[in-house]
Amino acid sequence: MRYLALFRVFFRTSIQTDMEYRVDFFSRIIASLLALLTTMAGLSIAFTYTSSIKGWSFPQVMVLLSVYYLMDGLIEMFIAPNMRNIMAQVRDGTLDFLLLKPVPVQFLATFRTVNIWRIVNVLVALGLSSYTIGKLSLTVGGVQALTFIVTLAAGCGIIYSFWLILVTLTFWFVRVDNIEQIIWQAFEAGRYPIEIYPVWLRNALTYVVPVAFIITVPAKALTGQIGLSYALVSVCVSAIALLLSSLFWRFGLKFYTGASA
């Protein structure tokens, strides 16, 4: 309850800060819709020549695309801004201000900022998924919905852990900003079914940069292609990733040299 109360404070202050730039909200809506329409146009052209791609029908690919935008919005709202702040604070030696707070530094550092404008992508994703499920003859039962929620939460935990491990490297290398570009380039591949890629790339997107667990698995859960047993695998992977990233973060803190060092 203490953490939830703190997060509410973080969320409220972030909204108050971001509301100073309301015009940016509408420009992001237009940009997100244009990006979505461009991707949908390309996929619809591809499906005029075939009824399925590697076992994925057009409605299922649209669900995959909606999960991609949903995860993109969640990452940019809660994970990315905080990870960028950590890299800047380590580089500038200002992480001391967080270390002095009577709150676990990992929680404070990784949940302090909320980029509220990125809710645009979340809304776009929810709208696309509602349209796909409602208009394209897809049915979602209770088990599918539960599996989707579980795998989506597991995916969030995995990407959080993966990013935290990379950010922890700043304690030794100080500047690793370009690593973020590698993450996003790999994440871009998640907007398409992972089965379309060569085996070596498919393995890389599953075990190196776990895009498959972040996007493909939740999409398959929502479309009924996997069951609860596979969701449990995602949960186990996420739990292990969270544990290892937290241990690595604590280890990295021992090497931090800030303004007070």
Foldseek 3Di string as FASTA:
>chain_A
DVLVVLLVVLVVVQCVVVVVPVVVLVVVLVVLVVVVVVVLVVVVVVCVVDQADPPHGSLLLLLLLLLLLQLVLVCQFFAVVLLVVLLVCLLQQNLVVLVPDPDPSVSCSRGNHGNVSSCSSNVVSVVSNCCSCVPVVADFDPQLVVLLVLLQVLLVLQVNLVSLLVSLCCLPVSDDVCVVVVLVVLSVVSSGALVNDDPVNSCCCCPVVNNCSNRVSSSCSRRVVDGVVVSVVSNVVSVVSNVVSVVSNVVSVVSRDGPVD
